[in-house]
Amino acid sequence: MSLKPSELILNPDGSIYHLNLRPENIANDILFVGDQDRVDKITEHFDSIEFTTQKREFKTTTGKYNGKRISVLSTGIGNDNIDIVLNELDALVNIDFESKQVKTDITSLNIVRIGTSGSLQEDIPVNSFILSTYALELTGTLWSYQVDSLRNEALENAFVSHMDWLEKKSHPLFIPCSDTLFSKLDSNVMYKGITATANGFYGPQGRILRLPIQDELINEKLTDFEFRGLRISNFEMETAGIYGLSSLFGHYACSLNAIIANRASGTFSENPGKVVEDLIQYTLDKLTN
């Protein structure tokens, strides 16, 4: 059965609605960044550029680095944007735009996030890198889908109990990164841990400016959480959506973060641009090695 035009929305030129991309425009290896300006900071390392486009905050450039075809895509901020990006990328490789039908042979993409984040652990300093072995979904986005295959009830229950989690909040999910990409991207310079994904930057991440928040101890509780050797390393706004939707679709995902703040010690990097640039170079070299 063909997908309805209201569900698979295409632009007049045949590109997918938000990303403004056609299937031939993307590589199988895709780097995600939040900031559209960071796309050029990555692709300036490329040997060649074959395609670039931008619509709203979604900028995509495809080219080659060390002979490998790579796309770089800016997602903007938050799991709501990740929902758009993952669904439209999957459509680009797994739905026939002519027949509007799902393809018989499904393609799996390799998706690596290069992000910035704040550490929750005092021993993970600013200017370091974190590889997210798990993502902790706190936003509720994934519960719009059938998530039984993502459930880790032992971890969920331990977290809910430790946090004294408010029942009115979305129930947490823990999603692991791709084993394949972990093996490719890991090294002794990487800290590892659970990356918590919040649905906001201020109250949801325990920041208080003028408004009181529901749980003023949320960061301390997150820092103290431990389950079978796993601890929560950092807080950001995209990784859980990337891991969860990639897993459901059958894509491979891994998230790398440059640590520019340490919430436990209250410190901030004096040169955040350099640590991001170092992580970009690290990721490109690991992907093409």
C-alpha atoms as a PDB file:
ATOM      1  CA  MET A   1       0.000   0.000   0.000  1.00  0.00           C
ATOM      2  CA  SER A   2       1.335   3.450  -0.950  1.00  0.00           C
ATOM      3  CA  LEU A   3       1.949   6.013   1.762  1.00  0.00           C
ATOM      4  CA  LYS A   4      -0.426   8.984   1.690  1.00  0.00           C
ATOM      5  CA  PRO A   5       0.935  12.422   0.675  1.00  0.00           C
ATOM      6  CA  SER A   6      -0.032  13.714   4.122  1.00  0.00           C
ATOM      7  CA  GLU A   7       2.299  11.132   5.751  1.00  0.00           C
ATOM      8  CA  LEU A   8       5.280  11.070   3.372  1.00  0.00           C
ATOM      9  CA  ILE A   9       5.546  14.772   2.574  1.00  0.00           C
ATOM     10  CA  LEU A  10       7.735  15.735  -0.372  1.00  0.00           C
ATOM     11  CA  ASN A  11       8.674  19.138  -1.749  1.00  0.00           C
ATOM     12  CA  PRO A  12       7.857  20.040  -5.393  1.00  0.00           C
ATOM     13  CA  ASP A  13      11.394  19.037  -6.420  1.00  0.00           C
ATOM     14  CA  GLY A  14      10.928  15.555  -4.931  1.00  0.00           C
ATOM     15  CA  SER A  15      13.017  16.163  -1.811  1.00  0.00           C
ATOM     16  CA  ILE A  16      11.900  15.154   1.676  1.00  0.00           C
ATOM     17  CA  TYR A  17       9.929  17.927   3.383  1.00  0.00           C
ATOM     18  CA  HIS A  18      12.071  19.300   6.238  1.00  0.00           C
ATOM     19  CA  LEU A  19      15.580  18.185   5.286  1.00  0.00           C
ATOM     20  CA  ASN A  20      15.250  19.226   1.622  1.00  0.00           C
ATOM     21  CA  LEU A  21      17.174  16.095   0.585  1.00  0.00           C
ATOM     22  CA  ARG A  22      16.783  13.521  -2.163  1.00  0.00           C
ATOM     23  CA  PRO A  23      18.027   9.927  -1.687  1.00  0.00           C
ATOM     24  CA  GLU A  24      21.162  10.460  -3.766  1.00  0.00           C
ATOM     25  CA  ASN A  25      22.241  13.427  -1.616  1.00  0.00           C
ATOM     26  CA  ILE A  26      23.267  11.471   1.487  1.00  0.00           C
ATOM     27  CA  ALA A  27      26.011   9.009   2.364  1.00  0.00           C
ATOM     28  CA  ASN A  28      25.554   5.910   4.517  1.00  0.00           C
ATOM     29  CA  ASP A  29      27.863   7.461   7.115  1.00  0.00           C
ATOM     30  CA  ILE A  30      26.297  10.566   8.651  1.00  0.00           C
ATOM     31  CA  LEU A  31      27.621  12.951  11.288  1.00  0.00           C
ATOM     32  CA  PHE A  32      25.031  14.803  13.384  1.00  0.00           C
ATOM     33  CA  VAL A  33      25.729  18.210  14.904  1.00  0.00           C
ATOM     34  CA  GLY A  34      23.280  20.481  16.674  1.00  0.00           C
ATOM     35  CA  ASP A  35      24.617  23.802  15.422  1.00  0.00           C
ATOM     36  CA  GLN A  36      24.281  24.526  11.698  1.00  0.00           C
ATOM     37  CA  ASP A  37      27.532  26.525  11.815  1.00  0.00           C
ATOM     38  CA  ARG A  38      29.366  23.382  12.942  1.00  0.00           C
ATOM     39  CA  VAL A  39      28.634  21.682   9.609  1.00  0.00           C
ATOM     40  CA  ASP A  40      31.198  23.877   7.857  1.00  0.00           C
ATOM     41  CA  LYS A  41      33.684  23.389  10.694  1.00  0.00           C
ATOM     42  CA  ILE A  42      33.614  19.667   9.858  1.00  0.00           C
ATOM     43  CA  THR A  43      33.449  19.833   6.073  1.00  0.00           C
ATOM     44  CA  GLU A  44      36.360  22.270   5.853  1.00  0.00           C
ATOM     45  CA  HIS A  45      38.442  19.148   6.567  1.00  0.00           C
ATOM     46  CA  PHE A  46      36.936  17.297   3.571  1.00  0.00           C
ATOM     47  CA  ASP A  47      38.925  16.551   0.430  1.00  0.00           C
ATOM     48  CA  SER A  48      35.917  17.405  -1.747  1.00  0.00           C
ATOM     49  CA  ILE A  49      32.291  18.587  -1.495  1.00  0.00           C
ATOM     50  CA  GLU A  50      29.605  17.186  -3.806  1.00  0.00           C
ATOM     51  CA  PHE A  51      26.393  18.613  -2.360  1.00  0.00           C
ATOM     52  CA  THR A  52      25.066  21.077   0.195  1.00  0.00           C
ATOM     53  CA  THR A  53      21.634  22.394   1.110  1.00  0.00           C
ATOM     54  CA  GLN A  54      19.872  24.100   3.985  1.00  0.00           C
ATOM     55  CA  LYS A  55      16.239  24.490   5.051  1.00  0.00           C
ATOM     56  CA  ARG A  56      15.511  26.088   8.428  1.00  0.00           C
ATOM     57  CA  GLU A  57      18.059  24.745  10.948  1.00  0.00           C
ATOM     58  CA  PHE A  58      18.676  21.609   8.893  1.00  0.00           C
ATOM     59  CA  LYS A  59      21.891  22.013   6.905  1.00  0.00           C
ATOM     60  CA  THR A  60      23.427  19.033   5.092  1.00  0.00           C
ATOM     61  CA  THR A  61      26.727  18.753   3.251  1.00  0.00           C
ATOM     62  CA  THR A  62      28.026  15.572   1.620  1.00  0.00           C
ATOM     63  CA  GLY A  63      31.591  15.046   0.513  1.00  0.00           C
ATOM     64  CA  LYS A  64      34.671  12.885   0.982  1.00  0.00           C
ATOM     65  CA  TYR A  65      37.284  12.675   3.717  1.00  0.00           C
ATOM     66  CA  ASN A  66      40.255  10.332   3.188  1.00  0.00           C
ATOM     67  CA  GLY A  67      38.306   8.816   0.293  1.00  0.00           C
ATOM     68  CA  LYS A  68      35.218   7.997   2.400  1.00  0.00           C
ATOM     69  CA  ARG A  69      31.846   9.516   1.506  1.00  0.00           C
ATOM     70  CA  ILE A  70      30.330  11.241   4.564  1.00  0.00           C
ATOM     71  CA  SER A  71      27.333  13.493   5.131  1.00  0.00           C
ATOM     72  CA  VAL A  72      27.195  16.100   7.884  1.00  0.00           C
ATOM     73  CA  LEU A  73      23.756  17.224   9.057  1.00  0.00           C
ATOM     74  CA  SER A  74      22.699  19.828  11.618  1.00  0.00           C
ATOM     75  CA  THR A  75      19.716  18.687  13.651  1.00  0.00           C
ATOM     76  CA  GLY A  76      19.040  21.763  15.741  1.00  0.00           C
ATOM     77  CA  ILE A  77      18.280  21.330  19.436  1.00  0.00           C
ATOM     78  CA  GLY A  78      16.123  18.687  21.095  1.00  0.00           C
ATOM     79  CA  ASN A  79      14.486  15.308  20.611  1.00  0.00           C
ATOM     80  CA  ASP A  80      11.571  16.849  18.706  1.00  0.00           C
ATOM     81  CA  ASN A  81      14.025  17.769  15.951  1.00  0.00           C
ATOM     82  CA  ILE A  82      15.671  14.360  16.171  1.00  0.00           C
ATOM     83  CA  ASP A  83      12.258  12.796  15.516  1.00  0.00           C
ATOM     84  CA  ILE A  84      12.065  14.751  12.243  1.00  0.00           C
ATOM     85  CA  VAL A  85      15.633  14.041  11.208  1.00  0.00           C
ATOM     86  CA  LEU A  86      15.641  10.273  11.876  1.00  0.00           C
ATOM     87  CA  ASN A  87      12.261   9.662  10.243  1.00  0.00           C
ATOM     88  CA  GLU A  88      13.206  11.631   7.143  1.00  0.00           C
ATOM     89  CA  LEU A  89      16.669  10.074   6.830  1.00  0.00           C
ATOM     90  CA  ASP A  90      15.153   6.618   7.109  1.00  0.00           C
ATOM     91  CA  ALA A  91      12.592   7.521   4.445  1.00  0.00           C
ATOM     92  CA  LEU A  92      15.398   8.634   2.136  1.00  0.00           C
ATOM     93  CA  VAL A  93      17.021   5.197   2.160  1.00  0.00           C
ATOM     94  CA  ASN A  94      14.109   2.843   2.869  1.00  0.00           C
ATOM     95  CA  ILE A  95      11.072   4.269   1.048  1.00  0.00           C
ATOM     96  CA  ASP A  96      10.753   4.413  -2.735  1.00  0.00           C
ATOM     97  CA  PHE A  97       9.769   8.014  -3.493  1.00  0.00           C
ATOM     98  CA  GLU A  98       8.227   7.037  -6.837  1.00  0.00           C
ATOM     99  CA  SER A  99       5.932   4.252  -5.620  1.00  0.00           C
ATOM    100  CA  LYS A 100       5.620   5.704  -2.082  1.00  0.00           C
ATOM    101  CA  GLN A 101       6.160   2.193  -0.707  1.00  0.00           C
ATOM    102  CA  VAL A 102       8.616   0.769   1.826  1.00  0.00           C
ATOM    103  CA  LYS A 103      11.483  -1.028   0.104  1.00  0.00           C
ATOM    104  CA  THR A 104      11.944  -4.776   0.469  1.00  0.00           C
ATOM    105  CA  ASP A 105      15.675  -4.470   1.209  1.00  0.00           C
ATOM    106  CA  ILE A 106      16.268  -2.211   4.206  1.00  0.00           C
ATOM    107  CA  THR A 107      19.414  -0.047   4.412  1.00  0.00           C
ATOM    108  CA  SER A 108      21.124   0.631   7.735  1.00  0.00           C
ATOM    109  CA  LEU A 109      22.865   3.981   8.236  1.00  0.00           C
ATOM    110  CA  ASN A 110      25.832   4.733  10.491  1.00  0.00           C
ATOM    111  CA  ILE A 111      25.013   7.818  12.557  1.00  0.00           C
ATOM    112  CA  VAL A 112      27.531   9.548  14.823  1.00  0.00           C
ATOM    113  CA  ARG A 113      26.657  12.591  16.892  1.00  0.00           C
ATOM    114  CA  ILE A 114      29.394  15.151  17.579  1.00  0.00           C
ATOM    115  CA  GLY A 115      27.954  17.245  20.375  1.00  0.00           C
ATOM    116  CA  THR A 116      28.754  19.416  23.347  1.00  0.00           C
ATOM    117  CA  SER A 117      27.655  18.638  26.860  1.00  0.00           C
ATOM    118  CA  GLY A 118      28.103  19.233  30.557  1.00  0.00           C
ATOM    119  CA  SER A 119      29.610  16.526  32.744  1.00  0.00           C
ATOM    120  CA  LEU A 120      27.768  15.436  35.877  1.00  0.00           C
ATOM    121  CA  GLN A 121      30.820  13.731  37.382  1.00  0.00           C
ATOM    122  CA  GLU A 122      33.579  15.769  38.996  1.00  0.00           C
ATOM    123  CA  ASP A 123      36.235  13.354  37.703  1.00  0.00           C
ATOM    124  CA  ILE A 124      35.189  13.946  34.061  1.00  0.00           C
ATOM    125  CA  PRO A 125      36.827  17.346  33.476  1.00  0.00           C
ATOM    126  CA  VAL A 126      36.078  20.073  30.981  1.00  0.00           C
ATOM    127  CA  ASN A 127      37.914  19.675  27.651  1.00  0.00           C
ATOM    128  CA  SER A 128      37.505  15.884  27.740  1.00  0.00           C
ATOM    129  CA  PHE A 129      35.442  13.555  25.505  1.00  0.00           C
ATOM    130  CA  ILE A 130      32.575  11.233  26.430  1.00  0.00           C
ATOM    131  CA  LEU A 131      31.319   8.255  24.435  1.00  0.00           C
ATOM    132  CA  SER A 132      27.735   7.477  25.444  1.00  0.00           C
ATOM    133  CA  THR A 133      27.524   3.749  26.142  1.00  0.00           C
ATOM    134  CA  TYR A 134      23.837   4.259  27.008  1.00  0.00           C
ATOM    135  CA  ALA A 135      21.354   7.076  26.552  1.00  0.00           C
ATOM    136  CA  LEU A 136      18.775   7.859  29.221  1.00  0.00           C
ATOM    137  CA  GLU A 137      15.533   9.084  27.636  1.00  0.00           C
ATOM    138  CA  LEU A 138      13.727  11.576  29.872  1.00  0.00           C
ATOM    139  CA  THR A 139      11.774  13.554  27.250  1.00  0.00           C
ATOM    140  CA  GLY A 140       8.879  11.214  26.456  1.00  0.00           C
ATOM    141  CA  THR A 141       9.410  11.415  22.685  1.00  0.00           C
ATOM    142  CA  LEU A 142      10.057   7.706  22.200  1.00  0.00           C
ATOM    143  CA  TRP A 143       6.839   6.687  23.935  1.00  0.00           C
ATOM    144  CA  SER A 144       4.978   7.753  20.765  1.00  0.00           C
ATOM    145  CA  TYR A 145       6.414   4.577  19.216  1.00  0.00           C
ATOM    146  CA  GLN A 146       6.275   0.886  20.143  1.00  0.00           C
ATOM    147  CA  VAL A 147       9.276   0.716  22.447  1.00  0.00           C
ATOM    148  CA  ASP A 148       9.041  -2.759  23.990  1.00  0.00           C
ATOM    149  CA  SER A 149      12.258  -3.796  22.236  1.00  0.00           C
ATOM    150  CA  LEU A 150      14.085  -0.915  23.942  1.00  0.00           C
ATOM    151  CA  ARG A 151      13.012  -1.697  27.495  1.00  0.00           C
ATOM    152  CA  ASN A 152      15.580  -2.501  30.187  1.00  0.00           C
ATOM    153  CA  GLU A 153      13.261  -2.798  33.167  1.00  0.00           C
ATOM    154  CA  ALA A 154      15.977  -3.559  35.717  1.00  0.00           C
ATOM    155  CA  LEU A 155      17.757  -0.307  34.864  1.00  0.00           C
ATOM    156  CA  GLU A 156      14.490   1.622  34.644  1.00  0.00           C
ATOM    157  CA  ASN A 157      13.272   0.417  38.033  1.00  0.00           C
ATOM    158  CA  ALA A 158      16.600   1.120  39.727  1.00  0.00           C
ATOM    159  CA  PHE A 159      16.578   4.646  38.317  1.00  0.00           C
ATOM    160  CA  VAL A 160      12.960   5.388  39.274  1.00  0.00           C
ATOM    161  CA  SER A 161      13.601   4.187  42.819  1.00  0.00           C
ATOM    162  CA  HIS A 162      16.880   6.074  43.223  1.00  0.00           C
ATOM    163  CA  MET A 163      15.477   9.335  41.837  1.00  0.00           C
ATOM    164  CA  ASP A 164      12.127   9.107  43.628  1.00  0.00           C
ATOM    165  CA  TRP A 165      10.875   9.794  40.087  1.00  0.00           C
ATOM    166  CA  LEU A 166       7.643  11.783  39.826  1.00  0.00           C
ATOM    167  CA  GLU A 167       4.969   9.571  38.259  1.00  0.00           C
ATOM    168  CA  LYS A 168       3.635  12.493  36.228  1.00  0.00           C
ATOM    169  CA  LYS A 169       6.951  12.674  34.379  1.00  0.00           C
ATOM    170  CA  SER A 170       7.695  10.466  31.389  1.00  0.00           C
ATOM    171  CA  HIS A 171       8.923   6.994  32.349  1.00  0.00           C
ATOM    172  CA  PRO A 172      12.672   6.691  31.637  1.00  0.00           C
ATOM    173  CA  LEU A 173      14.193   4.449  28.969  1.00  0.00           C
ATOM    174  CA  PHE A 174      17.819   3.303  28.659  1.00  0.00           C
ATOM    175  CA  ILE A 175      19.107   2.604  25.138  1.00  0.00           C
ATOM    176  CA  PRO A 176      22.630   1.289  24.347  1.00  0.00           C
ATOM    177  CA  CYS A 177      24.862   2.572  21.577  1.00  0.00           C
ATOM    178  CA  SER A 178      25.806   0.468  18.568  1.00  0.00           C
ATOM    179  CA  ASP A 179      28.446  -2.147  19.431  1.00  0.00           C
ATOM    180  CA  THR A 180      29.933  -1.779  15.946  1.00  0.00           C
ATOM    181  CA  LEU A 181      30.378   1.983  16.190  1.00  0.00           C
ATOM    182  CA  PHE A 182      31.552   1.728  19.796  1.00  0.00           C
ATOM    183  CA  SER A 183      34.397  -0.538  18.694  1.00  0.00           C
ATOM    184  CA  LYS A 184      35.301   1.833  15.871  1.00  0.00           C
ATOM    185  CA  LEU A 185      35.182   5.083  17.851  1.00  0.00           C
ATOM    186  CA  ASP A 186      36.433   4.110  21.316  1.00  0.00           C
ATOM    187  CA  SER A 187      39.958   4.710  22.600  1.00  0.00           C
ATOM    188  CA  ASN A 188      41.739   5.375  25.865  1.00  0.00           C
ATOM    189  CA  VAL A 189      41.005   9.119  25.576  1.00  0.00           C
ATOM    190  CA  MET A 190      37.260   8.505  25.822  1.00  0.00           C
ATOM    191  CA  TYR A 191      35.329   8.613  29.082  1.00  0.00           C
ATOM    192  CA  LYS A 192      32.281   6.334  29.020  1.00  0.00           C
ATOM    193  CA  GLY A 193      28.919   6.542  30.703  1.00  0.00           C
ATOM    194  CA  ILE A 194      25.172   7.032  30.441  1.00  0.00           C
ATOM    195  CA  THR A 195      24.156  10.264  28.726  1.00  0.00           C
ATOM    196  CA  ALA A 196      20.917  11.711  30.098  1.00  0.00           C
ATOM    197  CA  THR A 197      18.738  13.412  27.487  1.00  0.00           C
ATOM    198  CA  ALA A 198      16.511  16.176  28.846  1.00  0.00           C
ATOM    199  CA  ASN A 199      13.601  17.957  27.138  1.00  0.00           C
ATOM    200  CA  GLY A 200      14.931  21.406  27.996  1.00  0.00           C
ATOM    201  CA  PHE A 201      18.081  23.303  28.951  1.00  0.00           C
ATOM    202  CA  TYR A 202      17.075  25.077  32.140  1.00  0.00           C
ATOM    203  CA  GLY A 203      14.563  23.489  34.537  1.00  0.00           C
ATOM    204  CA  PRO A 204      14.772  19.995  33.009  1.00  0.00           C
ATOM    205  CA  GLN A 205      18.557  20.061  33.541  1.00  0.00           C
ATOM    206  CA  GLY A 206      18.317  21.428  37.075  1.00  0.00           C
ATOM    207  CA  ARG A 207      19.153  25.050  36.237  1.00  0.00           C
ATOM    208  CA  ILE A 208      17.378  27.687  38.297  1.00  0.00           C
ATOM    209  CA  LEU A 209      17.210  31.303  37.179  1.00  0.00           C
ATOM    210  CA  ARG A 210      13.895  32.801  38.348  1.00  0.00           C
ATOM    211  CA  LEU A 211      11.504  29.844  38.320  1.00  0.00           C
ATOM    212  CA  PRO A 212      11.508  27.169  41.040  1.00  0.00           C
ATOM    213  CA  ILE A 213      11.807  23.622  39.706  1.00  0.00           C
ATOM    214  CA  GLN A 214      10.128  20.346  40.667  1.00  0.00           C
ATOM    215  CA  ASP A 215      13.325  18.646  41.895  1.00  0.00           C
ATOM    216  CA  GLU A 216      16.159  20.923  43.006  1.00  0.00           C
ATOM    217  CA  LEU A 217      18.330  17.876  43.718  1.00  0.00           C
ATOM    218  CA  ILE A 218      17.981  16.290  40.288  1.00  0.00           C
ATOM    219  CA  ASN A 219      21.635  16.746  39.327  1.00  0.00           C
ATOM    220  CA  GLU A 220      22.945  15.420  42.624  1.00  0.00           C
ATOM    221  CA  LYS A 221      20.697  12.357  42.298  1.00  0.00           C
ATOM    222  CA  LEU A 222      21.804  11.768  38.704  1.00  0.00           C
ATOM    223  CA  THR A 223      25.447  12.048  39.738  1.00  0.00           C
ATOM    224  CA  ASP A 224      24.975   9.519  42.552  1.00  0.00           C
ATOM    225  CA  PHE A 225      23.083   6.952  40.452  1.00  0.00           C
ATOM    226  CA  GLU A 226      24.979   3.686  39.891  1.00  0.00           C
ATOM    227  CA  PHE A 227      23.784   0.376  38.509  1.00  0.00           C
ATOM    228  CA  ARG A 228      26.093  -2.603  37.942  1.00  0.00           C
ATOM    229  CA  GLY A 229      29.057  -0.349  37.214  1.00  0.00           C
ATOM    230  CA  LEU A 230      27.091   2.095  35.070  1.00  0.00           C
ATOM    231  CA  ARG A 231      26.832   5.756  36.055  1.00  0.00           C
ATOM    232  CA  ILE A 232      25.364   8.860  34.439  1.00  0.00           C
ATOM    233  CA  SER A 233      28.179  10.870  32.936  1.00  0.00           C
ATOM    234  CA  ASN A 234      26.560  13.900  31.319  1.00  0.00           C
ATOM    235  CA  PHE A 235      23.405  15.814  30.417  1.00  0.00           C
ATOM    236  CA  GLU A 236      22.299  17.002  26.947  1.00  0.00           C
ATOM    237  CA  MET A 237      19.220  17.069  24.684  1.00  0.00           C
ATOM    238  CA  GLU A 238      19.559  14.705  21.685  1.00  0.00           C
ATOM    239  CA  THR A 239      21.345  11.396  22.279  1.00  0.00           C
ATOM    240  CA  ALA A 240      18.399   9.320  23.533  1.00  0.00           C
ATOM    241  CA  GLY A 241      16.294  10.222  20.513  1.00  0.00           C
ATOM    242  CA  ILE A 242      19.143   9.275  18.205  1.00  0.00           C
ATOM    243  CA  TYR A 243      19.780   5.946  19.949  1.00  0.00           C
ATOM    244  CA  GLY A 244      16.125   5.024  20.339  1.00  0.00           C
ATOM    245  CA  LEU A 245      14.906   5.815  16.835  1.00  0.00           C
ATOM    246  CA  SER A 246      18.048   4.379  15.247  1.00  0.00           C
ATOM    247  CA  SER A 247      17.532   1.129  17.139  1.00  0.00           C
ATOM    248  CA  LEU A 248      13.851   0.931  16.160  1.00  0.00           C
ATOM    249  CA  PHE A 249      14.643   1.613  12.495  1.00  0.00           C
ATOM    250  CA  GLY A 250      17.666  -0.705  12.389  1.00  0.00           C
ATOM    251  CA  HIS A 251      20.360   1.958  12.032  1.00  0.00           C
ATOM    252  CA  TYR A 252      23.619   2.146  14.001  1.00  0.00           C
ATOM    253  CA  ALA A 253      24.250   5.112  16.295  1.00  0.00           C
ATOM    254  CA  CYS A 254      26.927   6.415  18.625  1.00  0.00           C
ATOM    255  CA  SER A 255      27.163   9.760  20.408  1.00  0.00           C
ATOM    256  CA  LEU A 256      30.403  11.573  21.198  1.00  0.00           C
ATOM    257  CA  ASN A 257      30.401  14.713  23.319  1.00  0.00           C
ATOM    258  CA  ALA A 258      32.976  17.393  23.946  1.00  0.00           C
ATOM    259  CA  ILE A 259      32.698  18.324  27.607  1.00  0.00           C
ATOM    260  CA  ILE A 260      32.631  22.116  27.846  1.00  0.00           C
ATOM    261  CA  ALA A 261      31.130  22.370  31.356  1.00  0.00           C
ATOM    262  CA  ASN A 262      31.325  20.422  34.601  1.00  0.00           C
ATOM    263  CA  ARG A 263      28.075  20.747  36.531  1.00  0.00           C
ATOM    264  CA  ALA A 264      29.515  19.115  39.651  1.00  0.00           C
ATOM    265  CA  SER A 265      32.387  21.582  39.995  1.00  0.00           C
ATOM    266  CA  GLY A 266      30.663  24.543  38.339  1.00  0.00           C
ATOM    267  CA  THR A 267      33.459  25.032  35.797  1.00  0.00           C
ATOM    268  CA  PHE A 268      33.303  25.940  32.088  1.00  0.00           C
ATOM    269  CA  SER A 269      35.901  25.481  29.375  1.00  0.00           C
ATOM    270  CA  GLU A 270      38.091  28.499  28.639  1.00  0.00           C
ATOM    271  CA  ASN A 271      38.361  27.400  25.003  1.00  0.00           C
ATOM    272  CA  PRO A 272      35.277  25.358  24.014  1.00  0.00           C
ATOM    273  CA  GLY A 273      35.978  25.842  20.315  1.00  0.00           C
ATOM    274  CA  LYS A 274      39.264  23.960  20.580  1.00  0.00           C
ATOM    275  CA  VAL A 275      37.811  20.917  22.357  1.00  0.00           C
ATOM    276  CA  VAL A 276      35.046  20.700  19.715  1.00  0.00           C
ATOM    277  CA  GLU A 277      37.623  20.989  16.927  1.00  0.00           C
ATOM    278  CA  ASP A 278      39.722  18.255  18.550  1.00  0.00           C
ATOM    279  CA  LEU A 279      36.652  15.979  18.741  1.00  0.00           C
ATOM    280  CA  ILE A 280      35.826  16.647  15.082  1.00  0.00           C
ATOM    281  CA  GLN A 281      39.332  15.617  14.003  1.00  0.00           C
ATOM    282  CA  TYR A 282      39.249  12.563  16.270  1.00  0.00           C
ATOM    283  CA  THR A 283      35.915  11.398  14.868  1.00  0.00           C
ATOM    284  CA  LEU A 284      36.850  11.885  11.220  1.00  0.00           C
ATOM    285  CA  ASP A 285      40.093   9.966  11.657  1.00  0.00           C
ATOM    286  CA  LYS A 286      38.421   7.114  13.562  1.00  0.00           C
ATOM    287  CA  LEU A 287      35.629   6.761  10.993  1.00  0.00           C
ATOM    288  CA  THR A 288      38.046   6.580   8.066  1.00  0.00           C
ATOM    289  CA  ASN A 289      40.812   4.542   9.679  1.00  0.00           C
END
